Amino acid sequence: MNRTELKSAAKAQLRGNWLVYIVALIVAGGVSFSVSYVTSGKTFENLAFISTIASILVLFFVTIPFQATIEFFAARLSKGEKVEFADYGRPYQEYLRVLKAVLWRSLFQFLWGIVAYVGIVLGIITTVLAVIAGFAAYSANAAAGGGSDWATGLAAYAGIASVVSLLLIVIGIVPAILAQLRYTFALYVINDDPESNYRSALNRSKELTRGHKGELFVLQLSFIGWYILTAITCGILAFYVLPYANTTIANFYRKLIAEEEGVEFVAAVAVIEEF
């Protein structure tokens, strides 16, 4: 089954399940936005710690569970099962397993990409320094008709730092991407195996993606046009794109399992009556 067929299967599996999926996205996004909006208001302008605590609580008790909900939905749909509003509570019922899997996955992905992240931060700092040096040199020329030694030195440092930043990003981007691909299926494994813990889920994801990271990368990259359109529509199109992309990737996960077992993969589609 090729990419086109995986995507077609995802559309068929989502038929009759869109509402449950979209409401999950609205709830997660709505709560996060509301807390951010309220805590950034004048009432909390002198209480930064309240804003920080509220953001942490939203992350742990809304964002992470609903991220798991969305991936659980994709895993279930790819098995030919339907999803229901009652399924929203499942990540909370298995909260520690889900939390550990998400946090450890994020930590491993961050550590593998830390060189690239350092390069990005250095690049931002370099840009700021270059702007300051340029402004200082312009001011010195306008005031005295000559250059500024410290501005010239700062500009030279910014130039060297920009080269170092670019090298770090180039060196670090590959392991960062590989780590993202390596642990993609962790929550699908958690969904399928009630006995799995975060460690076994991450290891199982590593096993399944071994030798298939290129295929997975191309599959994820094939949605780049949709992600650009999502940005253009200020995120509105995400209500279509995220369920579509997640379910397609879950189908690829099922395909890899079928190949491992030596059987032909056939996408399962639940029969759902639409009203």
C-alpha atoms as a PDB file:
ATOM      1  CA  MET A   1       0.000   0.000   0.000  1.00  0.00           C
ATOM      2  CA  ASN A   2       1.560   3.299  -1.112  1.00  0.00           C
ATOM      3  CA  ARG A   3       1.206   6.806   0.317  1.00  0.00           C
ATOM      4  CA  THR A   4      -1.828   7.649  -1.775  1.00  0.00           C
ATOM      5  CA  GLU A   5      -3.623   4.505  -0.628  1.00  0.00           C
ATOM      6  CA  LEU A   6      -2.707   5.160   3.029  1.00  0.00           C
ATOM      7  CA  LYS A   7      -4.193   8.643   2.736  1.00  0.00           C
ATOM      8  CA  SER A   8      -7.321   7.392   0.987  1.00  0.00           C
ATOM      9  CA  ALA A   9      -7.791   4.826   3.753  1.00  0.00           C
ATOM     10  CA  ALA A  10      -7.429   7.562   6.371  1.00  0.00           C
ATOM     11  CA  LYS A  11     -10.190   9.617   4.746  1.00  0.00           C
ATOM     12  CA  ALA A  12     -12.461   6.580   4.722  1.00  0.00           C
ATOM     13  CA  GLN A  13     -11.679   5.796   8.368  1.00  0.00           C
ATOM     14  CA  LEU A  14     -12.411   9.392   9.408  1.00  0.00           C
ATOM     15  CA  ARG A  15     -15.821   9.361   7.762  1.00  0.00           C
ATOM     16  CA  GLY A  16     -18.356   9.652  10.568  1.00  0.00           C
ATOM     17  CA  ASN A  17     -15.652  10.375  13.157  1.00  0.00           C
ATOM     18  CA  TRP A  18     -14.757  13.959  12.302  1.00  0.00           C
ATOM     19  CA  LEU A  19     -16.913  15.585  14.994  1.00  0.00           C
ATOM     20  CA  VAL A  20     -15.321  13.681  17.885  1.00  0.00           C
ATOM     21  CA  TYR A  21     -11.856  14.499  16.551  1.00  0.00           C
ATOM     22  CA  ILE A  22     -12.574  18.189  15.949  1.00  0.00           C
ATOM     23  CA  VAL A  23     -14.152  18.729  19.369  1.00  0.00           C
ATOM     24  CA  ALA A  24     -10.998  17.303  20.979  1.00  0.00           C
ATOM     25  CA  LEU A  25      -8.892  19.845  19.085  1.00  0.00           C
ATOM     26  CA  ILE A  26     -11.258  22.680  20.030  1.00  0.00           C
ATOM     27  CA  VAL A  27     -11.216  21.747  23.723  1.00  0.00           C
ATOM     28  CA  ALA A  28      -7.419  21.464  23.897  1.00  0.00           C
ATOM     29  CA  GLY A  29      -6.823  24.643  21.924  1.00  0.00           C
ATOM     30  CA  GLY A  30      -9.611  26.559  23.653  1.00  0.00           C
ATOM     31  CA  VAL A  31      -8.434  25.782  27.176  1.00  0.00           C
ATOM     32  CA  SER A  32      -4.827  26.599  26.344  1.00  0.00           C
ATOM     33  CA  PHE A  33      -5.784  29.898  24.698  1.00  0.00           C
ATOM     34  CA  SER A  34      -8.182  30.878  27.493  1.00  0.00           C
ATOM     35  CA  VAL A  35      -5.611  30.304  30.232  1.00  0.00           C
ATOM     36  CA  SER A  36      -2.960  32.161  28.248  1.00  0.00           C
ATOM     37  CA  TYR A  37      -5.325  35.086  27.607  1.00  0.00           C
ATOM     38  CA  VAL A  38      -6.549  35.367  31.199  1.00  0.00           C
ATOM     39  CA  THR A  39      -3.130  35.080  32.844  1.00  0.00           C
ATOM     40  CA  SER A  40      -1.640  37.656  30.471  1.00  0.00           C
ATOM     41  CA  GLY A  41      -4.226  40.264  31.489  1.00  0.00           C
ATOM     42  CA  LYS A  42      -3.745  43.139  33.929  1.00  0.00           C
ATOM     43  CA  THR A  43      -5.097  41.096  36.822  1.00  0.00           C
ATOM     44  CA  PHE A  44      -2.015  38.872  36.716  1.00  0.00           C
ATOM     45  CA  GLU A  45       0.570  41.340  35.401  1.00  0.00           C
ATOM     46  CA  ASN A  46       2.319  41.429  38.803  1.00  0.00           C
ATOM     47  CA  LEU A  47       1.806  37.733  39.523  1.00  0.00           C
ATOM     48  CA  ALA A  48       4.055  36.040  37.003  1.00  0.00           C
ATOM     49  CA  PHE A  49       4.246  32.872  39.086  1.00  0.00           C
ATOM     50  CA  ILE A  50       0.464  32.366  38.784  1.00  0.00           C
ATOM     51  CA  SER A  51       0.727  32.563  35.014  1.00  0.00           C
ATOM     52  CA  THR A  52       3.610  30.081  35.055  1.00  0.00           C
ATOM     53  CA  ILE A  53       1.774  27.632  37.320  1.00  0.00           C
ATOM     54  CA  ALA A  54      -1.383  27.884  35.215  1.00  0.00           C
ATOM     55  CA  SER A  55       0.595  27.194  32.028  1.00  0.00           C
ATOM     56  CA  ILE A  56       2.253  24.149  33.608  1.00  0.00           C
ATOM     57  CA  LEU A  57      -1.095  22.782  34.793  1.00  0.00           C
ATOM     58  CA  VAL A  58      -2.577  23.215  31.318  1.00  0.00           C
ATOM     59  CA  LEU A  59       0.422  21.436  29.795  1.00  0.00           C
ATOM     60  CA  PHE A  60       0.192  18.432  32.116  1.00  0.00           C
ATOM     61  CA  PHE A  61      -3.577  18.094  32.468  1.00  0.00           C
ATOM     62  CA  VAL A  62      -4.904  19.345  29.111  1.00  0.00           C
ATOM     63  CA  THR A  63      -2.273  19.541  26.370  1.00  0.00           C
ATOM     64  CA  ILE A  64      -0.538  16.203  26.992  1.00  0.00           C
ATOM     65  CA  PRO A  65      -3.728  14.167  27.627  1.00  0.00           C
ATOM     66  CA  PHE A  66      -5.430  15.609  24.555  1.00  0.00           C
ATOM     67  CA  GLN A  67      -2.321  15.031  22.457  1.00  0.00           C
ATOM     68  CA  ALA A  68      -2.574  11.407  23.557  1.00  0.00           C
ATOM     69  CA  THR A  69      -6.320  11.418  22.802  1.00  0.00           C
ATOM     70  CA  ILE A  70      -5.665  12.503  19.222  1.00  0.00           C
ATOM     71  CA  GLU A  71      -3.011   9.810  18.717  1.00  0.00           C
ATOM     72  CA  PHE A  72      -5.214   7.186  20.405  1.00  0.00           C
ATOM     73  CA  PHE A  73      -8.028   8.160  18.018  1.00  0.00           C
ATOM     74  CA  ALA A  74      -5.708   7.656  15.040  1.00  0.00           C
ATOM     75  CA  ALA A  75      -4.572   4.273  16.361  1.00  0.00           C
ATOM     76  CA  ARG A  76      -8.159   3.114  16.879  1.00  0.00           C
ATOM     77  CA  LEU A  77      -9.375   4.342  13.506  1.00  0.00           C
ATOM     78  CA  SER A  78      -6.487   2.559  11.784  1.00  0.00           C
ATOM     79  CA  LYS A  79      -7.732  -0.687  13.392  1.00  0.00           C
ATOM     80  CA  GLY A  80     -11.198  -0.156  11.947  1.00  0.00           C
ATOM     81  CA  GLU A  81     -12.697   0.949  15.267  1.00  0.00           C
ATOM     82  CA  LYS A  82     -14.849   4.025  15.746  1.00  0.00           C
ATOM     83  CA  VAL A  83     -14.122   6.763  18.278  1.00  0.00           C
ATOM     84  CA  GLU A  84     -16.568   8.260  20.758  1.00  0.00           C
ATOM     85  CA  PHE A  85     -16.722  11.229  23.112  1.00  0.00           C
ATOM     86  CA  ALA A  86     -16.299   8.830  26.031  1.00  0.00           C
ATOM     87  CA  ASP A  87     -12.782   8.121  24.743  1.00  0.00           C
ATOM     88  CA  TYR A  88     -11.653  11.567  25.894  1.00  0.00           C
ATOM     89  CA  GLY A  89     -11.252  10.160  29.383  1.00  0.00           C
ATOM     90  CA  ARG A  90      -8.943   7.315  28.465  1.00  0.00           C
ATOM     91  CA  PRO A  91      -5.625   9.238  28.733  1.00  0.00           C
ATOM     92  CA  TYR A  92      -6.654  10.278  32.240  1.00  0.00           C
ATOM     93  CA  GLN A  93      -7.414   6.665  33.141  1.00  0.00           C
ATOM     94  CA  GLU A  94      -3.889   5.711  32.033  1.00  0.00           C
ATOM     95  CA  TYR A  95      -2.389   9.055  32.976  1.00  0.00           C
ATOM     96  CA  LEU A  96       1.006   7.977  34.297  1.00  0.00           C
ATOM     97  CA  ARG A  97       1.713   5.685  31.338  1.00  0.00           C
ATOM     98  CA  VAL A  98       0.752   8.421  28.896  1.00  0.00           C
ATOM     99  CA  LEU A  99       2.617  11.166  30.761  1.00  0.00           C
ATOM    100  CA  LYS A 100       5.843   9.163  31.016  1.00  0.00           C
ATOM    101  CA  ALA A 101       5.711   8.163  27.348  1.00  0.00           C
ATOM    102  CA  VAL A 102       5.169  11.750  26.164  1.00  0.00           C
ATOM    103  CA  LEU A 103       7.776  13.288  28.489  1.00  0.00           C
ATOM    104  CA  TRP A 104      10.472  10.698  27.800  1.00  0.00           C
ATOM    105  CA  ARG A 105       9.797  10.878  24.069  1.00  0.00           C
ATOM    106  CA  SER A 106      10.096  14.664  24.174  1.00  0.00           C
ATOM    107  CA  LEU A 107      13.269  14.466  26.264  1.00  0.00           C
ATOM    108  CA  PHE A 108      14.983  12.008  23.896  1.00  0.00           C
ATOM    109  CA  GLN A 109      13.966  14.057  20.870  1.00  0.00           C
ATOM    110  CA  PHE A 110      15.298  17.217  22.524  1.00  0.00           C
ATOM    111  CA  LEU A 111      18.618  15.637  23.511  1.00  0.00           C
ATOM    112  CA  TRP A 112      19.214  14.221  20.037  1.00  0.00           C
ATOM    113  CA  GLY A 113      18.499  17.639  18.566  1.00  0.00           C
ATOM    114  CA  ILE A 114      20.315  19.742  21.148  1.00  0.00           C
ATOM    115  CA  VAL A 115      23.180  20.649  18.777  1.00  0.00           C
ATOM    116  CA  ALA A 116      20.701  22.076  16.263  1.00  0.00           C
ATOM    117  CA  TYR A 117      18.830  23.926  19.021  1.00  0.00           C
ATOM    118  CA  VAL A 118      22.078  25.502  20.245  1.00  0.00           C
ATOM    119  CA  GLY A 119      22.747  26.586  16.670  1.00  0.00           C
ATOM    120  CA  ILE A 120      19.288  28.153  16.395  1.00  0.00           C
ATOM    121  CA  VAL A 121      19.700  30.051  19.685  1.00  0.00           C
ATOM    122  CA  LEU A 122      23.162  31.216  18.626  1.00  0.00           C
ATOM    123  CA  GLY A 123      21.706  32.335  15.313  1.00  0.00           C
ATOM    124  CA  ILE A 124      19.066  34.439  17.079  1.00  0.00           C
ATOM    125  CA  ILE A 125      21.703  36.023  19.333  1.00  0.00           C
ATOM    126  CA  THR A 126      23.924  36.666  16.301  1.00  0.00           C
ATOM    127  CA  THR A 127      21.087  38.402  14.474  1.00  0.00           C
ATOM    128  CA  VAL A 128      20.437  40.675  17.455  1.00  0.00           C
ATOM    129  CA  LEU A 129      24.152  41.522  17.740  1.00  0.00           C
ATOM    130  CA  ALA A 130      24.382  42.238  14.024  1.00  0.00           C
ATOM    131  CA  VAL A 131      21.445  44.653  14.262  1.00  0.00           C
ATOM    132  CA  ILE A 132      23.016  46.402  17.265  1.00  0.00           C
ATOM    133  CA  ALA A 133      26.388  46.657  15.498  1.00  0.00           C
ATOM    134  CA  GLY A 134      24.773  48.032  12.371  1.00  0.00           C
ATOM    135  CA  PHE A 135      22.805  50.616  14.311  1.00  0.00           C
ATOM    136  CA  ALA A 136      25.881  51.640  16.324  1.00  0.00           C
ATOM    137  CA  ALA A 137      28.019  51.991  13.195  1.00  0.00           C
ATOM    138  CA  TYR A 138      25.335  54.070  11.510  1.00  0.00           C
ATOM    139  CA  SER A 139      25.005  56.319  14.577  1.00  0.00           C
ATOM    140  CA  ALA A 140      28.794  56.784  14.813  1.00  0.00           C
ATOM    141  CA  ASN A 141      29.067  57.656  11.134  1.00  0.00           C
ATOM    142  CA  ALA A 142      26.211  60.121  11.380  1.00  0.00           C
ATOM    143  CA  ALA A 143      27.589  61.799  14.511  1.00  0.00           C
ATOM    144  CA  ALA A 144      31.320  61.991  13.821  1.00  0.00           C
ATOM    145  CA  GLY A 145      31.795  60.949  10.250  1.00  0.00           C
ATOM    146  CA  GLY A 146      33.760  57.877  11.305  1.00  0.00           C
ATOM    147  CA  GLY A 147      33.230  54.276  12.324  1.00  0.00           C
ATOM    148  CA  SER A 148      33.034  52.795  15.804  1.00  0.00           C
ATOM    149  CA  ASP A 149      35.753  50.307  16.801  1.00  0.00           C
ATOM    150  CA  TRP A 150      33.513  48.346  19.133  1.00  0.00           C
ATOM    151  CA  ALA A 151      30.728  48.247  16.536  1.00  0.00           C
ATOM    152  CA  THR A 152      33.195  46.927  13.942  1.00  0.00           C
ATOM    153  CA  GLY A 153      34.409  44.283  16.376  1.00  0.00           C
ATOM    154  CA  LEU A 154      30.863  43.319  17.248  1.00  0.00           C
ATOM    155  CA  ALA A 155      29.999  42.967  13.568  1.00  0.00           C
ATOM    156  CA  ALA A 156      33.036  40.728  13.038  1.00  0.00           C
ATOM    157  CA  TYR A 157      32.009  38.542  15.990  1.00  0.00           C
ATOM    158  CA  ALA A 158      28.472  38.344  14.634  1.00  0.00           C
ATOM    159  CA  GLY A 159      29.825  37.176  11.295  1.00  0.00           C
ATOM    160  CA  ILE A 160      31.889  34.384  12.850  1.00  0.00           C
ATOM    161  CA  ALA A 161      29.044  33.371  15.161  1.00  0.00           C
ATOM    162  CA  SER A 162      26.626  33.172  12.223  1.00  0.00           C
ATOM    163  CA  VAL A 163      28.927  30.684  10.479  1.00  0.00           C
ATOM    164  CA  VAL A 164      29.218  28.595  13.662  1.00  0.00           C
ATOM    165  CA  SER A 165      25.449  28.755  14.100  1.00  0.00           C
ATOM    166  CA  LEU A 166      24.860  27.496  10.567  1.00  0.00           C
ATOM    167  CA  LEU A 167      27.327  24.628  11.047  1.00  0.00           C
ATOM    168  CA  LEU A 168      25.658  23.553  14.304  1.00  0.00           C
ATOM    169  CA  ILE A 169      22.232  23.555  12.670  1.00  0.00           C
ATOM    170  CA  VAL A 170      23.477  21.525   9.694  1.00  0.00           C
ATOM    171  CA  ILE A 171      25.256  19.022  11.965  1.00  0.00           C
ATOM    172  CA  GLY A 172      22.381  18.721  14.438  1.00  0.00           C
ATOM    173  CA  ILE A 173      19.347  18.667  12.154  1.00  0.00           C
ATOM    174  CA  VAL A 174      19.824  15.060  10.977  1.00  0.00           C
ATOM    175  CA  PRO A 175      19.908  13.421  14.455  1.00  0.00           C
ATOM    176  CA  ALA A 176      17.005  15.669  15.473  1.00  0.00           C
ATOM    177  CA  ILE A 177      14.875  14.456  12.568  1.00  0.00           C
ATOM    178  CA  LEU A 178      15.877  10.830  13.129  1.00  0.00           C
ATOM    179  CA  ALA A 179      14.873  11.057  16.807  1.00  0.00           C
ATOM    180  CA  GLN A 180      11.503  12.544  15.888  1.00  0.00           C
ATOM    181  CA  LEU A 181      10.908   9.670  13.475  1.00  0.00           C
ATOM    182  CA  ARG A 182      12.280   7.004  15.822  1.00  0.00           C
ATOM    183  CA  TYR A 183       9.701   7.634  18.560  1.00  0.00           C
ATOM    184  CA  THR A 184       6.687   8.547  16.402  1.00  0.00           C
ATOM    185  CA  PHE A 185       4.719   5.385  17.241  1.00  0.00           C
ATOM    186  CA  ALA A 186       5.131   5.377  21.037  1.00  0.00           C
ATOM    187  CA  LEU A 187       1.552   6.370  21.862  1.00  0.00           C
ATOM    188  CA  TYR A 188       0.158   4.004  19.249  1.00  0.00           C
ATOM    189  CA  VAL A 189       1.934   1.196  21.115  1.00  0.00           C
ATOM    190  CA  ILE A 190       0.520   2.459  24.425  1.00  0.00           C
ATOM    191  CA  ASN A 191      -2.955   2.355  22.851  1.00  0.00           C
ATOM    192  CA  ASP A 192      -2.539  -1.184  21.523  1.00  0.00           C
ATOM    193  CA  ASP A 193      -0.807  -2.842  24.464  1.00  0.00           C
ATOM    194  CA  PRO A 194      -2.288  -2.309  27.945  1.00  0.00           C
ATOM    195  CA  GLU A 195       0.787  -3.921  29.474  1.00  0.00           C
ATOM    196  CA  SER A 196       3.329  -1.631  27.821  1.00  0.00           C
ATOM    197  CA  ASN A 197       5.131   1.070  29.785  1.00  0.00           C
ATOM    198  CA  TYR A 198       6.904   4.127  28.432  1.00  0.00           C
ATOM    199  CA  ARG A 199      10.183   2.246  27.996  1.00  0.00           C
ATOM    200  CA  SER A 200       8.727  -0.687  26.075  1.00  0.00           C
ATOM    201  CA  ALA A 201       6.597   1.692  23.963  1.00  0.00           C
ATOM    202  CA  LEU A 202       9.625   3.764  22.953  1.00  0.00           C
ATOM    203  CA  ASN A 203      11.667   0.635  22.219  1.00  0.00           C
ATOM    204  CA  ARG A 204       8.854  -0.868  20.150  1.00  0.00           C
ATOM    205  CA  SER A 205       8.628   2.340  18.142  1.00  0.00           C
ATOM    206  CA  LYS A 206      12.394   2.167  17.533  1.00  0.00           C
ATOM    207  CA  GLU A 207      12.064  -1.426  16.307  1.00  0.00           C
ATOM    208  CA  LEU A 208       9.241  -0.650  13.894  1.00  0.00           C
ATOM    209  CA  THR A 209      10.925   2.407  12.384  1.00  0.00           C
ATOM    210  CA  ARG A 210      14.298   0.710  11.949  1.00  0.00           C
ATOM    211  CA  GLY A 211      14.945   0.672   8.207  1.00  0.00           C
ATOM    212  CA  HIS A 212      11.746   2.620   7.509  1.00  0.00           C
ATOM    213  CA  LYS A 213      12.601   6.132   8.707  1.00  0.00           C
ATOM    214  CA  GLY A 214      13.046   7.324   5.123  1.00  0.00           C
ATOM    215  CA  GLU A 215       9.556   6.155   4.180  1.00  0.00           C
ATOM    216  CA  LEU A 216       8.059   7.729   7.298  1.00  0.00           C
ATOM    217  CA  PHE A 217       9.900  10.993   6.672  1.00  0.00           C
ATOM    218  CA  VAL A 218       8.623  11.199   3.095  1.00  0.00           C
ATOM    219  CA  LEU A 219       5.098  10.385   4.298  1.00  0.00           C
ATOM    220  CA  GLN A 220       5.205  13.168   6.890  1.00  0.00           C
ATOM    221  CA  LEU A 221       6.782  15.549   4.377  1.00  0.00           C
ATOM    222  CA  SER A 222       3.957  14.871   1.915  1.00  0.00           C
ATOM    223  CA  PHE A 223       1.670  16.916   4.199  1.00  0.00           C
ATOM    224  CA  ILE A 224       3.873  20.023   4.004  1.00  0.00           C
ATOM    225  CA  GLY A 225       1.465  21.713   1.589  1.00  0.00           C
ATOM    226  CA  TRP A 226      -1.401  21.172   4.022  1.00  0.00           C
ATOM    227  CA  TYR A 227       0.658  22.596   6.897  1.00  0.00           C
ATOM    228  CA  ILE A 228       1.444  25.707   4.852  1.00  0.00           C
ATOM    229  CA  LEU A 229      -2.254  26.165   4.118  1.00  0.00           C
ATOM    230  CA  THR A 230      -2.961  25.690   7.828  1.00  0.00           C
ATOM    231  CA  ALA A 231      -0.581  28.548   8.632  1.00  0.00           C
ATOM    232  CA  ILE A 232      -2.166  30.730   5.948  1.00  0.00           C
ATOM    233  CA  THR A 233      -5.640  30.102   7.409  1.00  0.00           C
ATOM    234  CA  CYS A 234      -4.381  30.971  10.930  1.00  0.00           C
ATOM    235  CA  GLY A 235      -4.768  27.376  12.079  1.00  0.00           C
ATOM    236  CA  ILE A 236      -8.375  26.869  11.003  1.00  0.00           C
ATOM    237  CA  LEU A 237      -7.452  24.159   8.521  1.00  0.00           C
ATOM    238  CA  ALA A 238      -5.791  22.197  11.348  1.00  0.00           C
ATOM    239  CA  PHE A 239      -9.217  20.753  12.177  1.00  0.00           C
ATOM    240  CA  TYR A 240      -8.963  18.862   8.891  1.00  0.00           C
ATOM    241  CA  VAL A 241      -5.215  18.389   8.514  1.00  0.00           C
ATOM    242  CA  LEU A 242      -4.289  17.004  11.968  1.00  0.00           C
ATOM    243  CA  PRO A 243      -6.837  14.151  12.000  1.00  0.00           C
ATOM    244  CA  TYR A 244      -6.027  13.362   8.368  1.00  0.00           C
ATOM    245  CA  ALA A 245      -2.232  13.319   8.890  1.00  0.00           C
ATOM    246  CA  ASN A 246      -2.353  11.431  12.199  1.00  0.00           C
ATOM    247  CA  THR A 247      -4.634   8.720  10.849  1.00  0.00           C
ATOM    248  CA  THR A 248      -2.482   8.313   7.734  1.00  0.00           C
ATOM    249  CA  ILE A 249       0.627   7.857   9.880  1.00  0.00           C
ATOM    250  CA  ALA A 250      -1.241   5.363  12.074  1.00  0.00           C
ATOM    251  CA  ASN A 251      -2.043   3.387   8.917  1.00  0.00           C
ATOM    252  CA  PHE A 252       1.670   3.327   8.104  1.00  0.00           C
ATOM    253  CA  TYR A 253       2.249   1.980  11.623  1.00  0.00           C
ATOM    254  CA  ARG A 254      -0.246  -0.831  10.927  1.00  0.00           C
ATOM    255  CA  LYS A 255       1.448  -1.511   7.616  1.00  0.00           C
ATOM    256  CA  LEU A 256       4.845  -1.953   9.309  1.00  0.00           C
ATOM    257  CA  ILE A 257       3.335  -4.364  11.845  1.00  0.00           C
ATOM    258  CA  ALA A 258       1.764  -6.391   9.028  1.00  0.00           C
ATOM    259  CA  GLU A 259       5.082  -6.530   7.177  1.00  0.00           C
ATOM    260  CA  GLU A 260       6.813  -7.659  10.370  1.00  0.00           C
ATOM    261  CA  GLU A 261       4.270 -10.468  10.736  1.00  0.00           C
ATOM    262  CA  GLY A 262       4.630 -11.397   7.070  1.00  0.00           C
ATOM    263  CA  VAL A 263       1.016 -10.707   6.138  1.00  0.00           C
ATOM    264  CA  GLU A 264      -0.515  -8.396   3.584  1.00  0.00           C
ATOM    265  CA  PHE A 265      -1.703  -5.086   4.996  1.00  0.00           C
ATOM    266  CA  VAL A 266      -5.305  -4.169   4.337  1.00  0.00           C
ATOM    267  CA  ALA A 267      -6.582  -0.954   5.906  1.00  0.00           C
ATOM    268  CA  ALA A 268      -9.536  -1.583   8.209  1.00  0.00           C
ATOM    269  CA  VAL A 269     -12.516   0.761   7.947  1.00  0.00           C
ATOM    270  CA  ALA A 270     -15.374   0.722  10.445  1.00  0.00           C
ATOM    271  CA  VAL A 271     -18.920   0.803   9.104  1.00  0.00           C
ATOM    272  CA  ILE A 272     -20.540   3.857  10.654  1.00  0.00           C
ATOM    273  CA  GLU A 273     -23.992   5.158  10.008  1.00  0.00           C
ATOM    274  CA  GLU A 274     -24.049   8.894   9.328  1.00  0.00           C
ATOM    275  CA  PHE A 275     -27.067  11.013  10.171  1.00  0.00           C
END
